[in-house]
Protein backbone atom coordinates (compact mmCIF):
# COMPACT_ATOMS: atom_id res chain seq x y z
CA UNK A 1 151.07 38.94 -54.85
CA UNK A 2 152.72 35.80 -56.17
CA UNK A 3 150.28 32.84 -56.49
CA UNK A 4 153.17 30.58 -55.45
CA UNK A 5 153.63 32.55 -52.23
CA UNK A 6 149.88 32.44 -51.51
CA UNK A 7 149.80 28.69 -52.10
CA UNK A 8 152.85 28.03 -49.94
CA UNK A 9 151.60 30.26 -47.12
CA UNK A 10 148.22 28.54 -47.00
CA UNK A 11 149.68 25.02 -47.11
CA UNK A 12 152.24 25.85 -44.42
CA UNK A 13 149.71 27.41 -42.05
CA UNK A 14 146.49 25.55 -42.85
CA UNK A 15 147.61 22.37 -44.63
CA UNK A 16 146.32 20.22 -41.77
CA UNK A 17 142.81 21.65 -41.80
CA UNK A 18 142.36 22.88 -45.39
CA UNK A 19 142.98 21.55 -48.88
CA UNK A 20 143.46 22.62 -52.49
CA UNK A 21 140.56 22.15 -54.87
CA UNK A 22 140.77 19.50 -57.59
CA UNK A 23 142.06 22.03 -60.14
CA UNK A 24 144.41 23.70 -57.58
CA UNK A 25 142.67 27.04 -58.20
CA UNK A 26 141.10 27.42 -54.75
CA UNK A 27 142.12 26.65 -51.19
CA UNK A 28 139.21 25.47 -49.04
CA UNK A 29 139.60 25.79 -45.27
CA UNK A 30 137.74 26.37 -41.99
CA UNK A 31 136.56 29.94 -41.61
CA UNK A 32 138.58 32.27 -39.40
CA UNK A 33 135.30 33.78 -38.20
CA UNK A 34 133.30 30.68 -37.24
CA UNK A 35 134.24 28.38 -34.34
CA UNK A 36 134.80 24.71 -35.22
CA UNK A 37 133.98 25.20 -38.89
CA UNK A 38 134.52 21.59 -39.97
CA UNK A 39 132.49 22.19 -43.15
CA UNK A 40 135.21 24.60 -44.41
CA UNK A 41 133.21 27.64 -45.42
CA UNK A 42 136.20 29.82 -46.38
CA UNK A 43 137.60 29.73 -49.92
CA UNK A 44 140.69 31.58 -51.23
CA UNK A 45 141.54 32.00 -54.90
CA UNK A 46 145.22 31.06 -55.33
CA UNK A 47 145.70 33.26 -58.39
CA UNK A 48 144.16 36.48 -57.05
CA UNK A 49 144.28 36.01 -53.28
CA UNK A 50 140.63 37.06 -53.01
CA UNK A 51 138.74 35.16 -50.33
CA UNK A 52 135.21 34.75 -49.04
CA UNK A 53 133.56 33.14 -46.06
CA UNK A 54 130.26 31.77 -47.34
CA UNK A 55 128.85 31.41 -43.83
CA UNK A 56 129.57 34.87 -42.36
CA UNK A 57 129.53 36.76 -45.67
CA UNK A 58 132.93 38.30 -44.98
CA UNK A 59 135.36 38.66 -47.89
CA UNK A 60 138.48 40.54 -48.92
CA UNK A 61 141.95 40.35 -50.44
CA UNK A 62 144.99 38.37 -49.36
CA UNK A 63 146.49 41.33 -47.48
CA UNK A 64 143.43 41.44 -45.25
CA UNK A 65 143.52 37.67 -44.80
CA UNK A 66 147.23 37.76 -43.87
CA UNK A 67 146.57 40.58 -41.38
CA UNK A 68 143.76 38.57 -39.78
CA UNK A 69 145.89 35.44 -39.45
CA UNK A 70 149.00 37.22 -38.15
CA UNK A 71 147.06 39.56 -35.86
CA UNK A 72 148.62 42.73 -37.32
CA UNK A 73 147.37 45.90 -39.00
CA UNK A 74 146.53 46.04 -42.69
CA UNK A 75 149.46 48.41 -43.33
CA UNK A 76 151.91 46.13 -41.51
CA UNK A 77 150.57 43.12 -43.40
CA UNK A 78 150.92 44.87 -46.74
CA UNK A 79 154.48 45.95 -45.97
CA UNK A 80 155.46 42.45 -44.85
CA UNK A 81 154.07 40.87 -48.01
CA UNK A 82 155.73 43.40 -50.30
CA UNK A 83 159.09 42.78 -48.66
CA UNK A 84 158.65 39.03 -48.94
CA UNK A 85 157.83 39.17 -52.64
CA UNK A 86 159.84 42.04 -54.09
CA UNK A 87 163.15 43.85 -53.75
CA UNK A 88 163.32 47.32 -55.23
CA UNK A 89 166.84 48.42 -54.46
CA UNK A 90 168.70 45.14 -54.38
CA UNK A 91 168.51 44.55 -50.63
CA UNK A 92 167.45 41.14 -49.37
CA UNK A 93 165.68 41.97 -46.09
CA UNK A 94 164.05 38.56 -45.65
CA UNK A 95 165.54 35.19 -46.51
CA UNK A 96 163.08 32.33 -46.89
CA UNK A 97 163.39 29.25 -49.06
CA UNK A 98 159.84 29.55 -50.32
CA UNK A 99 160.00 33.22 -51.24
CA UNK A 100 159.98 33.68 -55.04
CA UNK A 101 162.94 35.36 -56.72
CA UNK A 102 162.84 39.10 -56.19
CA UNK A 103 162.88 41.80 -58.84
CA UNK A 104 165.65 44.30 -58.15
CA UNK A 105 164.90 47.64 -59.83
CA UNK A 106 168.12 49.42 -58.83
CA UNK A 107 171.69 48.23 -58.36
CA UNK A 108 172.61 49.43 -54.83
CA UNK A 109 176.10 50.37 -56.07
CA UNK A 110 174.51 53.07 -58.24
CA UNK A 111 172.97 54.84 -55.23
CA UNK A 112 174.63 57.73 -53.37
CA UNK A 113 173.04 58.83 -50.06
CA UNK A 114 172.31 62.55 -50.00
CA UNK A 115 173.22 63.87 -46.54
CA UNK A 116 175.21 66.63 -44.84
CA UNK A 117 178.48 65.43 -46.39
CA UNK A 118 176.94 65.82 -49.85
CA UNK A 119 177.34 69.59 -49.56
CA UNK A 120 181.09 69.13 -49.92
CA UNK A 121 180.98 66.63 -52.77
CA UNK A 122 182.96 67.42 -55.92
CA UNK A 123 180.35 65.56 -57.96
CA UNK A 124 178.08 68.13 -59.61
CA UNK A 125 175.12 65.71 -59.69
CA UNK A 126 175.42 65.04 -55.94
CA UNK A 127 175.67 68.79 -55.27
CA UNK A 128 172.56 69.33 -57.39
CA UNK A 129 170.61 66.71 -55.43
CA UNK A 130 171.77 68.20 -52.12
CA UNK A 131 170.78 71.72 -53.24
CA UNK A 132 167.36 70.47 -54.26
CA UNK A 133 166.69 68.96 -50.82
CA UNK A 134 168.24 71.86 -48.92
CA UNK A 135 166.23 74.40 -50.92
CA UNK A 136 163.03 72.56 -50.14
CA UNK A 137 163.94 72.28 -46.42
CA UNK A 138 163.56 68.51 -46.49
CA UNK A 139 166.53 67.75 -44.26
CA UNK A 140 165.85 67.13 -40.59
CA UNK A 141 166.93 70.40 -38.94
CA UNK A 142 167.87 68.59 -35.72
CA UNK A 143 170.11 65.91 -37.21
CA UNK A 144 170.54 67.60 -40.62
CA UNK A 145 169.94 64.29 -42.33
CA UNK A 146 167.20 63.16 -44.66
CA UNK A 147 165.18 59.90 -44.53
CA UNK A 148 167.63 59.43 -46.41
CA UNK A 149 167.18 60.18 -50.07
CA UNK A 150 169.53 58.81 -52.72
CA UNK A 151 170.88 59.89 -56.07
CA UNK A 152 170.84 57.18 -58.74
CA UNK A 153 173.71 57.25 -61.23
CA UNK A 154 172.91 54.36 -63.58
CA UNK A 155 170.06 52.67 -65.39
CA UNK A 156 166.50 53.78 -65.91
CA UNK A 157 166.58 56.15 -62.93
CA UNK A 158 169.96 57.76 -63.62
CA UNK A 159 170.16 61.40 -62.53
CA UNK A 160 167.04 61.15 -60.42
CA UNK A 161 166.43 61.55 -56.71
CA UNK A 162 165.27 58.27 -55.16
CA UNK A 163 162.57 58.78 -52.52
CA UNK A 164 162.38 55.58 -50.44
CA UNK A 165 159.22 54.31 -48.75
CA UNK A 166 160.71 52.52 -45.74
CA UNK A 167 159.15 50.65 -42.84
CA UNK A 168 161.12 49.15 -39.95
CA UNK A 169 164.37 49.81 -41.79
CA UNK A 170 163.35 48.09 -45.05
CA UNK A 171 162.42 49.79 -48.31
CA UNK A 172 159.16 48.48 -49.78
CA UNK A 173 158.66 51.07 -52.55
CA UNK A 174 160.25 54.20 -54.01
CA UNK A 175 159.68 57.07 -56.40
CA UNK A 176 162.36 58.58 -58.63
CA UNK A 177 162.08 62.34 -59.08
CA UNK A 178 163.71 64.27 -61.91
CA UNK A 179 166.25 66.89 -60.81
CA UNK A 180 166.49 68.53 -64.22
CA UNK A 181 164.32 68.67 -67.31
CA UNK A 182 163.77 64.89 -67.46
CA UNK A 183 160.29 63.76 -68.38
CA UNK A 184 158.17 62.57 -66.75
CA UNK A 185 158.91 64.30 -63.47
CA UNK A 186 158.30 61.10 -61.49
CA UNK A 187 159.10 57.49 -62.35
CA UNK A 188 157.83 54.47 -60.43
CA UNK A 189 159.15 50.88 -60.28
CA UNK A 190 158.04 48.93 -63.31
CA UNK A 191 159.70 45.50 -63.16
CA UNK A 192 157.57 42.43 -63.78
CA UNK A 193 155.26 41.91 -60.84
CA UNK A 194 156.27 45.19 -59.18
CA UNK A 195 153.94 46.79 -56.69
CA UNK A 196 151.87 49.58 -58.22
CA UNK A 197 151.89 53.12 -56.83
CA UNK A 198 148.15 52.77 -56.16
CA UNK A 199 148.87 49.86 -53.80
CA UNK A 200 150.99 51.78 -51.28
CA UNK A 201 150.95 54.76 -48.95
CA UNK A 202 153.97 56.70 -47.74
CA UNK A 203 154.82 55.31 -44.26
CA UNK A 204 153.15 57.09 -41.36
CA UNK A 205 152.78 56.62 -37.61
CA UNK A 206 149.87 54.23 -37.02
CA UNK A 207 149.81 55.03 -33.29
CA UNK A 208 148.73 58.65 -33.86
CA UNK A 209 145.07 59.66 -33.67
CA UNK A 210 145.13 61.45 -37.05
CA UNK A 211 146.92 61.42 -40.39
CA UNK A 212 147.06 64.05 -43.14
CA UNK A 213 146.76 62.46 -46.58
CA UNK A 214 148.47 64.57 -49.24
CA UNK A 215 149.37 63.93 -52.88
CA UNK A 216 153.13 63.40 -53.10
CA UNK A 217 155.94 62.04 -50.90
CA UNK A 218 157.84 65.34 -50.78
CA UNK A 219 154.73 67.01 -49.36
CA UNK A 220 154.46 64.20 -46.80
CA UNK A 221 158.11 64.70 -45.81
CA UNK A 222 157.55 68.47 -45.52
CA UNK A 223 154.65 67.84 -43.13
CA UNK A 224 156.70 65.32 -41.16
CA UNK A 225 159.42 67.96 -40.78
CA UNK A 226 156.86 70.01 -38.86
CA UNK A 227 155.90 67.00 -36.71
CA UNK A 228 152.64 66.34 -38.55
CA UNK A 229 151.68 62.71 -39.09
CA UNK A 230 151.32 62.47 -42.86
CA UNK A 231 151.17 60.11 -45.79
CA UNK A 232 150.50 60.41 -49.52
CA UNK A 233 148.50 58.61 -52.20
CA UNK A 234 151.04 59.42 -54.97
CA UNK A 235 148.57 61.57 -56.85
CA UNK A 236 145.23 63.21 -56.16
CA UNK A 237 143.24 59.99 -56.18
CA UNK A 238 142.96 57.37 -53.44
CA UNK A 239 142.72 53.77 -54.65
CA UNK A 240 140.69 51.04 -52.99
CA UNK A 241 143.90 49.37 -51.77
CA UNK A 242 145.04 52.63 -50.15
CA UNK A 243 141.58 53.15 -48.65
CA UNK A 244 141.82 49.66 -47.10
CA UNK A 245 144.92 50.82 -45.21
CA UNK A 246 143.24 54.05 -44.10
CA UNK A 247 140.12 52.20 -42.98
CA UNK A 248 142.23 49.98 -40.77
CA UNK A 249 144.08 53.00 -39.32
CA UNK A 250 141.19 53.96 -37.07
CA UNK A 251 142.24 57.56 -36.44
CA UNK A 252 140.99 60.78 -37.98
CA UNK A 253 141.66 61.04 -41.71
CA UNK A 254 142.39 64.56 -42.96
CA UNK A 255 142.45 64.80 -46.75
CA UNK A 256 145.05 67.44 -47.64
CA UNK A 257 145.00 67.47 -51.42
CA UNK A 258 146.28 70.50 -53.36
CA UNK A 259 144.39 73.74 -53.96
CA UNK A 260 143.30 72.96 -57.53
CA UNK A 261 140.57 71.28 -59.56
CA UNK A 262 142.35 67.91 -59.42
CA UNK A 263 142.47 68.12 -55.64
CA UNK A 264 138.72 68.83 -55.40
CA UNK A 265 138.01 65.97 -57.78
CA UNK A 266 140.13 63.67 -55.62
CA UNK A 267 138.17 64.67 -52.52
CA UNK A 268 134.83 63.89 -54.20
CA UNK A 269 136.20 60.57 -55.43
CA UNK A 270 137.36 59.66 -51.91
CA UNK A 271 133.90 60.43 -50.54
CA UNK A 272 132.34 57.96 -53.00
CA UNK A 273 134.96 55.34 -52.12
CA UNK A 274 134.44 55.96 -48.40
CA UNK A 275 130.73 55.28 -48.70
CA UNK A 276 131.30 52.18 -50.81
CA UNK A 277 133.70 50.78 -48.20
CA UNK A 278 131.56 51.92 -45.25
CA UNK A 279 134.30 54.02 -43.74
CA UNK A 280 133.64 56.75 -41.19
CA UNK A 281 133.64 60.40 -42.21
CA UNK A 282 136.78 62.38 -42.87
CA UNK A 283 138.04 65.95 -42.65
CA UNK A 284 139.51 68.23 -45.31
CA UNK A 285 142.45 70.61 -45.00
CA UNK A 286 144.15 71.88 -48.18
CA UNK A 287 147.54 73.63 -48.03
CA UNK A 288 147.47 77.30 -46.92
CA UNK A 289 145.91 79.70 -49.41
CA UNK A 290 148.33 81.06 -51.97
CA UNK A 291 150.48 77.92 -52.05
CA UNK A 292 150.17 75.16 -54.62
CA UNK A 293 151.23 72.42 -52.20
CA UNK A 294 152.46 71.69 -48.66
CA UNK A 295 156.15 71.76 -49.51
CA UNK A 296 155.87 75.25 -50.99
CA UNK A 297 154.21 76.50 -47.79
CA UNK A 298 156.86 74.71 -45.70
CA UNK A 299 159.66 76.39 -47.68
CA UNK A 300 158.08 79.77 -46.98
CA UNK A 301 158.09 79.13 -43.24
CA UNK A 302 154.35 78.66 -42.69
CA UNK A 303 153.38 77.03 -39.39
CA UNK A 304 151.67 74.00 -40.88
CA UNK A 305 150.92 72.38 -37.54
CA UNK A 306 148.84 75.37 -36.53
CA UNK A 307 147.26 75.48 -39.99
CA UNK A 308 146.12 71.85 -39.81
CA UNK A 309 144.72 72.27 -36.30
CA UNK A 310 142.77 75.43 -37.14
CA UNK A 311 141.65 74.69 -40.69
CA UNK A 312 140.64 71.03 -40.74
CA UNK A 313 136.89 70.84 -41.31
CA UNK A 314 134.53 67.87 -41.74
CA UNK A 315 133.67 66.92 -45.29
CA UNK A 316 129.95 67.48 -44.98
CA UNK A 317 127.11 69.22 -46.78
CA UNK A 318 128.26 72.65 -45.59
CA UNK A 319 131.77 72.07 -46.96
CA UNK A 320 130.38 70.82 -50.26
CA UNK A 321 128.21 73.92 -50.64
CA UNK A 322 131.15 76.24 -49.94
CA UNK A 323 133.44 74.30 -52.29
CA UNK A 324 130.80 74.55 -55.00
CA UNK A 325 130.58 78.33 -54.61
CA UNK A 326 134.39 78.73 -54.79
C-alpha cells in the first residue's frame, strides 16, 4: 500500500481529530474502539500501515483499519485498496486526484477475449487458447462464455492465457498461464509496487456459508462451474494476508488442496496459522481419489458438489492420525 495514499486517507478522514507525529512517520488519532478517546490512543505507521490501539490492545494492518472505518468486509476493503493503488491491465476503474500513478502491467490492446467466437478465429494462438479452455471444460455451459479469460499477444506475457481476478467488474489481479512449453507455467504481475500473489484470493461469494479453498485459479473456476463456492491461495500455502480474509468470511472453510505431499504440508501449515490467528476450526476435502486436482476431476465428469458434501471432514486429531497412516 502506498504510504502517500495512507497519509492522504488519514488526513482526509481524521485530519480534524488526529495529527502526524513530528517526524511524519506516525499518525496519532482517537481510537476507533474507545468512546471519546481525546487522549488519542491509536497510532498508525504511515510507511507500513500497521496500527495499534494502546488502550484496547487491538492492532492490525491498514486493510483491516480501512474495513473498520468503511464498515465493509476485509475482502471488500482489500479489493478497494488494490484498485485504488494499482492497475494491472491498463483500465482506470477509479479516478481520484490523490490516487498515486498506477502501474499498468499489460497494454489492453494486446488482449484478446477468449469466448465462443474464438472457435472460429483464423489466429492459431487464439484457437489454441480456446481449445485449452474448452478441453478443460472451463466455459460456462449455460452461456458458453468464460469469466472471461484473455490471450496476451505482446510483452512479458505474450502467448499466455490471462486469468483475471475480478470483483464488481474490476480486475484487481491476474495470473498468466503458459499454453505451450513456456517456463515457468505461471507468471504473476511484477511491476514496482505490484500486489503479491500471497496478498490475494480468487474472488468468491462472501454471502455463502462455506468456501472451498484450493490451490490454483483454474481449479477454483472448475469448482465454480459446478456451483461450488471456491477460491484459491495460488499455491499450496495460505499466507497471513489470505488468512485474514478467510477469518473475516465467517462461513465454513474447507481446505481442498491437492492429493500430494505439498497439499498435506499446506494443510498442516494452515492449522498452525489458524491457531496463531485464533481462527475457528476448518474442514478438509481433497479432490476425488485418482485425480491430481479439481480441474482434472471436473474434466472427467465427476460430481464435485456431491463429493464436497460427502467427503468434507473436520481437521481434527482423527484426521491427523489417518493422514499420518496414509
